[in-house]
Amino acid sequence: AVLGNGKTQMVGRGKARCNPQDVEIPAIGDELAASRAMRDLAGQLMHAADRDLAAVGAVPDLPRTTYG
């Protein structure tokens, strides 16, 4: 998953593997990989927002360690 604003670009990565015993349905693997890439990208965005907030003095009391 790629997100750009014209100045910077973020890339979220995700992958899925099929268990050899599972039925092969490529669309399900694509969905899993895409959702994992978007989750990765969301985490990157939250970290960037935290850094930007800290840069303007708006630091939360307890730093977030998870997002969602």
PDB file of N, CA and C in Angstrom:
ATOM      1  N   ALA A   1       0.864  -1.173   0.000  1.00  0.00           N
ATOM      2  CA  ALA A   1       0.000   0.000   0.000  1.00  0.00           C
ATOM      3  C   ALA A   1       0.903   1.225   0.000  1.00  0.00           C
ATOM      4  N   VAL A   2       0.610   2.183  -0.862  1.00  0.00           N
ATOM      5  CA  VAL A   2       1.431   3.379  -0.981  1.00  0.00           C
ATOM      6  C   VAL A   2       0.563   4.601  -0.738  1.00  0.00           C
ATOM      7  N   LEU A   3       1.067   5.515   0.094  1.00  0.00           N
ATOM      8  CA  LEU A   3       0.372   6.765   0.374  1.00  0.00           C
ATOM      9  C   LEU A   3       1.353   7.902   0.147  1.00  0.00           C
ATOM     10  N   GLY A   4       0.967   8.839  -0.697  1.00  0.00           N
ATOM     11  CA  GLY A   4       1.821   9.983  -0.970  1.00  0.00           C
ATOM     12  C   GLY A   4       1.022  11.269  -0.907  1.00  0.00           C
ATOM     13  N   ASN A   5       1.694  12.359  -0.522  1.00  0.00           N
ATOM     14  CA  ASN A   5       1.022  13.655  -0.462  1.00  0.00           C
ATOM     15  C   ASN A   5       1.657  14.665  -1.408  1.00  0.00           C
ATOM     16  N   GLY A   6       2.460  14.190  -2.333  1.00  0.00           N
ATOM     17  CA  GLY A   6       3.128  15.086  -3.266  1.00  0.00           C
ATOM     18  C   GLY A   6       4.533  15.449  -2.824  1.00  0.00           C
ATOM     19  N   LYS A   7       4.801  15.365  -1.522  1.00  0.00           N
ATOM     20  CA  LYS A   7       6.133  15.677  -0.998  1.00  0.00           C
ATOM     21  C   LYS A   7       6.815  14.427  -0.457  1.00  0.00           C
ATOM     22  N   THR A   8       6.072  13.623   0.255  1.00  0.00           N
ATOM     23  CA  THR A   8       6.628  12.399   0.830  1.00  0.00           C
ATOM     24  C   THR A   8       5.748  11.207   0.453  1.00  0.00           C
ATOM     25  N   GLN A   9       6.305  10.049   0.662  1.00  0.00           N
ATOM     26  CA  GLN A   9       5.577   8.828   0.340  1.00  0.00           C
ATOM     27  C   GLN A   9       5.844   7.792   1.426  1.00  0.00           C
ATOM     28  N   MET A  10       4.798   7.090   1.847  1.00  0.00           N
ATOM     29  CA  MET A  10       4.921   5.999   2.816  1.00  0.00           C
ATOM     30  C   MET A  10       4.493   4.717   2.131  1.00  0.00           C
ATOM     31  N   VAL A  11       5.170   3.638   2.488  1.00  0.00           N
ATOM     32  CA  VAL A  11       4.858   2.338   1.904  1.00  0.00           C
ATOM     33  C   VAL A  11       4.561   1.349   3.024  1.00  0.00           C
ATOM     34  N   GLY A  12       3.380   0.765   2.975  1.00  0.00           N
ATOM     35  CA  GLY A  12       3.022  -0.293   3.912  1.00  0.00           C
ATOM     36  C   GLY A  12       3.225  -1.637   3.235  1.00  0.00           C
ATOM     37  N   ARG A  13       3.745  -2.577   3.967  1.00  0.00           N
ATOM     38  CA  ARG A  13       4.025  -3.887   3.390  1.00  0.00           C
ATOM     39  C   ARG A  13       3.235  -4.967   4.115  1.00  0.00           C
ATOM     40  N   GLY A  14       2.776  -5.931   3.359  1.00  0.00           N
ATOM     41  CA  GLY A  14       2.059  -7.070   3.912  1.00  0.00           C
ATOM     42  C   GLY A  14       2.202  -8.263   2.999  1.00  0.00           C
ATOM     43  N   LYS A  15       2.208  -9.440   3.582  1.00  0.00           N
ATOM     44  CA  LYS A  15       2.293 -10.642   2.758  1.00  0.00           C
ATOM     45  C   LYS A  15       1.445 -11.740   3.372  1.00  0.00           C
ATOM     46  N   ALA A  16       1.120 -12.702   2.564  1.00  0.00           N
ATOM     47  CA  ALA A  16       0.342 -13.861   2.999  1.00  0.00           C
ATOM     48  C   ALA A  16       0.921 -15.094   2.329  1.00  0.00           C
ATOM     49  N   ARG A  17       0.922 -16.175   3.060  1.00  0.00           N
ATOM     50  CA  ARG A  17       1.397 -17.444   2.521  1.00  0.00           C
ATOM     51  C   ARG A  17       0.305 -18.488   2.696  1.00  0.00           C
ATOM     52  N   CYS A  18       0.222 -19.363   1.748  1.00  0.00           N
ATOM     53  CA  CYS A  18      -0.781 -20.425   1.778  1.00  0.00           C
ATOM     54  C   CYS A  18      -0.176 -21.678   2.406  1.00  0.00           C
ATOM     55  N   ASN A  19      -0.873 -22.225   3.373  1.00  0.00           N
ATOM     56  CA  ASN A  19      -0.480 -23.506   3.944  1.00  0.00           C
ATOM     57  C   ASN A  19      -0.641 -24.557   2.846  1.00  0.00           C
ATOM     58  N   PRO A  20       0.333 -25.427   2.652  1.00  0.00           N
ATOM     59  CA  PRO A  20       0.222 -26.432   1.585  1.00  0.00           C
ATOM     60  C   PRO A  20      -1.031 -27.310   1.693  1.00  0.00           C
ATOM     61  N   GLN A  21      -1.609 -27.421   2.869  1.00  0.00           N
ATOM     62  CA  GLN A  21      -2.804 -28.234   3.046  1.00  0.00           C
ATOM     63  C   GLN A  21      -4.095 -27.472   2.756  1.00  0.00           C
ATOM     64  N   ASP A  22      -4.009 -26.149   2.618  1.00  0.00           N
ATOM     65  CA  ASP A  22      -5.199 -25.333   2.362  1.00  0.00           C
ATOM     66  C   ASP A  22      -5.585 -25.357   0.883  1.00  0.00           C
ATOM     67  N   VAL A  23      -6.854 -25.091   0.624  1.00  0.00           N
ATOM     68  CA  VAL A  23      -7.327 -24.921  -0.739  1.00  0.00           C
ATOM     69  C   VAL A  23      -6.720 -23.630  -1.287  1.00  0.00           C
ATOM     70  N   GLU A  24      -6.224 -23.673  -2.511  1.00  0.00           N
ATOM     71  CA  GLU A  24      -5.589 -22.486  -3.081  1.00  0.00           C
ATOM     72  C   GLU A  24      -6.638 -21.557  -3.675  1.00  0.00           C
ATOM     73  N   ILE A  25      -6.840 -20.429  -3.002  1.00  0.00           N
ATOM     74  CA  ILE A  25      -7.758 -19.394  -3.478  1.00  0.00           C
ATOM     75  C   ILE A  25      -6.970 -18.077  -3.439  1.00  0.00           C
ATOM     76  N   PRO A  26      -6.332 -17.697  -4.553  1.00  0.00           N
ATOM     77  CA  PRO A  26      -5.455 -16.523  -4.571  1.00  0.00           C
ATOM     78  C   PRO A  26      -6.114 -15.238  -4.066  1.00  0.00           C
ATOM     79  N   ALA A  27      -7.408 -15.063  -4.293  1.00  0.00           N
ATOM     80  CA  ALA A  27      -8.073 -13.823  -3.871  1.00  0.00           C
ATOM     81  C   ALA A  27      -8.000 -13.643  -2.357  1.00  0.00           C
ATOM     82  N   ILE A  28      -8.078 -14.736  -1.607  1.00  0.00           N
ATOM     83  CA  ILE A  28      -8.008 -14.626  -0.146  1.00  0.00           C
ATOM     84  C   ILE A  28      -6.612 -14.182   0.283  1.00  0.00           C
ATOM     85  N   GLY A  29      -5.587 -14.740  -0.343  1.00  0.00           N
ATOM     86  CA  GLY A  29      -4.225 -14.311  -0.041  1.00  0.00           C
ATOM     87  C   GLY A  29      -4.008 -12.850  -0.382  1.00  0.00           C
ATOM     88  N   ASP A  30      -4.577 -12.413  -1.505  1.00  0.00           N
ATOM     89  CA  ASP A  30      -4.470 -11.002  -1.889  1.00  0.00           C
ATOM     90  C   ASP A  30      -5.118 -10.106  -0.846  1.00  0.00           C
ATOM     91  N   GLU A  31      -6.291 -10.516  -0.365  1.00  0.00           N
ATOM     92  CA  GLU A  31      -7.003  -9.725   0.652  1.00  0.00           C
ATOM     93  C   GLU A  31      -6.207  -9.656   1.946  1.00  0.00           C
ATOM     94  N   LEU A  32      -5.650 -10.783   2.368  1.00  0.00           N
ATOM     95  CA  LEU A  32      -4.842 -10.788   3.587  1.00  0.00           C
ATOM     96  C   LEU A  32      -3.610  -9.900   3.448  1.00  0.00           C
ATOM     97  N   ALA A  33      -2.900 -10.041   2.340  1.00  0.00           N
ATOM     98  CA  ALA A  33      -1.700  -9.237   2.134  1.00  0.00           C
ATOM     99  C   ALA A  33      -2.027  -7.748   2.080  1.00  0.00           C
ATOM    100  N   ALA A  34      -3.099  -7.379   1.372  1.00  0.00           N
ATOM    101  CA  ALA A  34      -3.483  -5.964   1.274  1.00  0.00           C
ATOM    102  C   ALA A  34      -3.887  -5.411   2.637  1.00  0.00           C
ATOM    103  N   SER A  35      -4.643  -6.179   3.409  1.00  0.00           N
ATOM    104  CA  SER A  35      -5.070  -5.679   4.722  1.00  0.00           C
ATOM    105  C   SER A  35      -3.880  -5.530   5.659  1.00  0.00           C
ATOM    106  N   ARG A  36      -2.927  -6.439   5.579  1.00  0.00           N
ATOM    107  CA  ARG A  36      -1.724  -6.319   6.413  1.00  0.00           C
ATOM    108  C   ARG A  36      -0.880  -5.128   5.997  1.00  0.00           C
ATOM    109  N   ALA A  37      -0.823  -4.833   4.700  1.00  0.00           N
ATOM    110  CA  ALA A  37      -0.093  -3.660   4.230  1.00  0.00           C
ATOM    111  C   ALA A  37      -0.758  -2.374   4.718  1.00  0.00           C
ATOM    112  N   MET A  38      -2.083  -2.349   4.692  1.00  0.00           N
ATOM    113  CA  MET A  38      -2.788  -1.155   5.176  1.00  0.00           C
ATOM    114  C   MET A  38      -2.627  -0.989   6.687  1.00  0.00           C
ATOM    115  N   ARG A  39      -2.607  -2.100   7.431  1.00  0.00           N
ATOM    116  CA  ARG A  39      -2.384  -2.020   8.876  1.00  0.00           C
ATOM    117  C   ARG A  39      -0.987  -1.475   9.159  1.00  0.00           C
ATOM    118  N   ASP A  40       0.005  -1.924   8.389  1.00  0.00           N
ATOM    119  CA  ASP A  40       1.364  -1.421   8.525  1.00  0.00           C
ATOM    120  C   ASP A  40       1.413   0.077   8.238  1.00  0.00           C
ATOM    121  N   LEU A  41       0.751   0.493   7.172  1.00  0.00           N
ATOM    122  CA  LEU A  41       0.714   1.908   6.805  1.00  0.00           C
ATOM    123  C   LEU A  41       0.016   2.738   7.879  1.00  0.00           C
ATOM    124  N   ALA A  42      -1.069   2.232   8.446  1.00  0.00           N
ATOM    125  CA  ALA A  42      -1.780   2.950   9.515  1.00  0.00           C
ATOM    126  C   ALA A  42      -0.866   3.169  10.719  1.00  0.00           C
ATOM    127  N   GLY A  43      -0.090   2.175  11.075  1.00  0.00           N
ATOM    128  CA  GLY A  43       0.853   2.328  12.188  1.00  0.00           C
ATOM    129  C   GLY A  43       1.899   3.385  11.900  1.00  0.00           C
ATOM    130  N   GLN A  44       2.398   3.402  10.663  1.00  0.00           N
ATOM    131  CA  GLN A  44       3.371   4.427  10.278  1.00  0.00           C
ATOM    132  C   GLN A  44       2.763   5.827  10.378  1.00  0.00           C
ATOM    133  N   LEU A  45       1.504   5.961   9.948  1.00  0.00           N
ATOM    134  CA  LEU A  45       0.834   7.261  10.005  1.00  0.00           C
ATOM    135  C   LEU A  45       0.651   7.720  11.453  1.00  0.00           C
ATOM    136  N   MET A  46       0.285   6.792  12.342  1.00  0.00           N
ATOM    137  CA  MET A  46       0.103   7.157  13.750  1.00  0.00           C
ATOM    138  C   MET A  46       1.430   7.591  14.366  1.00  0.00           C
ATOM    139  N   HIS A  47       2.516   6.892  14.034  1.00  0.00           N
ATOM    140  CA  HIS A  47       3.830   7.290  14.548  1.00  0.00           C
ATOM    141  C   HIS A  47       4.218   8.671  14.022  1.00  0.00           C
ATOM    142  N   ALA A  48       3.939   8.936  12.759  1.00  0.00           N
ATOM    143  CA  ALA A  48       4.241  10.249  12.186  1.00  0.00           C
ATOM    144  C   ALA A  48       3.418  11.334  12.875  1.00  0.00           C
ATOM    145  N   ALA A  49       2.152  11.044  13.151  1.00  0.00           N
ATOM    146  CA  ALA A  49       1.308  12.020  13.846  1.00  0.00           C
ATOM    147  C   ALA A  49       1.836  12.283  15.251  1.00  0.00           C
ATOM    148  N   ASP A  50       2.265  11.236  15.943  1.00  0.00           N
ATOM    149  CA  ASP A  50       2.840  11.418  17.281  1.00  0.00           C
ATOM    150  C   ASP A  50       4.082  12.299  17.234  1.00  0.00           C
ATOM    151  N   ARG A  51       4.945  12.065  16.242  1.00  0.00           N
ATOM    152  CA  ARG A  51       6.149  12.902  16.107  1.00  0.00           C
ATOM    153  C   ARG A  51       5.777  14.349  15.826  1.00  0.00           C
ATOM    154  N   ASP A  52       4.784  14.561  14.960  1.00  0.00           N
ATOM    155  CA  ASP A  52       4.366  15.923  14.631  1.00  0.00           C
ATOM    156  C   ASP A  52       3.751  16.614  15.844  1.00  0.00           C
ATOM    157  N   LEU A  53       2.955  15.885  16.618  1.00  0.00           N
ATOM    158  CA  LEU A  53       2.376  16.457  17.839  1.00  0.00           C
ATOM    159  C   LEU A  53       3.472  16.835  18.827  1.00  0.00           C
ATOM    160  N   ALA A  54       4.445  15.959  18.985  1.00  0.00           N
ATOM    161  CA  ALA A  54       5.551  16.249  19.901  1.00  0.00           C
ATOM    162  C   ALA A  54       6.339  17.469  19.439  1.00  0.00           C
ATOM    163  N   ALA A  55       6.462  17.644  18.125  1.00  0.00           N
ATOM    164  CA  ALA A  55       7.219  18.774  17.586  1.00  0.00           C
ATOM    165  C   ALA A  55       6.567  20.113  17.911  1.00  0.00           C
ATOM    166  N   VAL A  56       5.249  20.116  18.105  1.00  0.00           N
ATOM    167  CA  VAL A  56       4.561  21.363  18.451  1.00  0.00           C
ATOM    168  C   VAL A  56       4.216  21.437  19.934  1.00  0.00           C
ATOM    169  N   GLY A  57       4.777  20.511  20.715  1.00  0.00           N
ATOM    170  CA  GLY A  57       4.588  20.556  22.160  1.00  0.00           C
ATOM    171  C   GLY A  57       3.341  19.870  22.671  1.00  0.00           C
ATOM    172  N   ALA A  58       2.639  19.170  21.837  1.00  0.00           N
ATOM    173  CA  ALA A  58       1.417  18.474  22.265  1.00  0.00           C
ATOM    174  C   ALA A  58       1.731  17.002  22.503  1.00  0.00           C
ATOM    175  N   VAL A  59       2.493  16.730  23.560  1.00  0.00           N
ATOM    176  CA  VAL A  59       2.920  15.366  23.854  1.00  0.00           C
ATOM    177  C   VAL A  59       1.897  14.716  24.781  1.00  0.00           C
ATOM    178  N   PRO A  60       1.397  13.532  24.429  1.00  0.00           N
ATOM    179  CA  PRO A  60       0.464  12.846  25.330  1.00  0.00           C
ATOM    180  C   PRO A  60       1.150  12.416  26.617  1.00  0.00           C
ATOM    181  N   ASP A  61       0.368  12.259  27.690  1.00  0.00           N
ATOM    182  CA  ASP A  61       0.922  11.851  28.988  1.00  0.00           C
ATOM    183  C   ASP A  61       1.662  10.516  28.893  1.00  0.00           C
ATOM    184  N   LEU A  62       1.016   9.535  28.264  1.00  0.00           N
ATOM    185  CA  LEU A  62       1.634   8.228  28.099  1.00  0.00           C
ATOM    186  C   LEU A  62       1.780   7.951  26.606  1.00  0.00           C
ATOM    187  N   PRO A  63       2.997   7.654  26.166  1.00  0.00           N
ATOM    188  CA  PRO A  63       3.168   7.372  24.733  1.00  0.00           C
ATOM    189  C   PRO A  63       2.397   6.114  24.355  1.00  0.00           C
ATOM    190  N   ARG A  64       1.807   6.164  23.175  1.00  0.00           N
ATOM    191  CA  ARG A  64       1.057   5.005  22.679  1.00  0.00           C
ATOM    192  C   ARG A  64       2.037   3.949  22.185  1.00  0.00           C
ATOM    193  N   THR A  65       1.739   2.703  22.506  1.00  0.00           N
ATOM    194  CA  THR A  65       2.578   1.626  22.010  1.00  0.00           C
ATOM    195  C   THR A  65       1.830   0.783  20.984  1.00  0.00           C
ATOM    196  N   THR A  66       0.505   0.869  20.992  1.00  0.00           N
ATOM    197  CA  THR A  66      -0.278   0.134  20.006  1.00  0.00           C
ATOM    198  C   THR A  66      -1.327   1.080  19.428  1.00  0.00           C
ATOM    199  N   TYR A  67      -1.788   0.743  18.275  1.00  0.00           N
ATOM    200  CA  TYR A  67      -2.778   1.547  17.596  1.00  0.00           C
ATOM    201  C   TYR A  67      -3.907   0.658  17.161  1.00  0.00           C
ATOM    202  N   GLY A  68      -5.093   1.234  17.128  1.00  0.00           N
ATOM    203  CA  GLY A  68      -6.201   0.446  16.626  1.00  0.00           C
ATOM    204  C   GLY A  68      -7.476   0.712  17.361  1.00  0.00           C
TER     205      GLY A  68
END
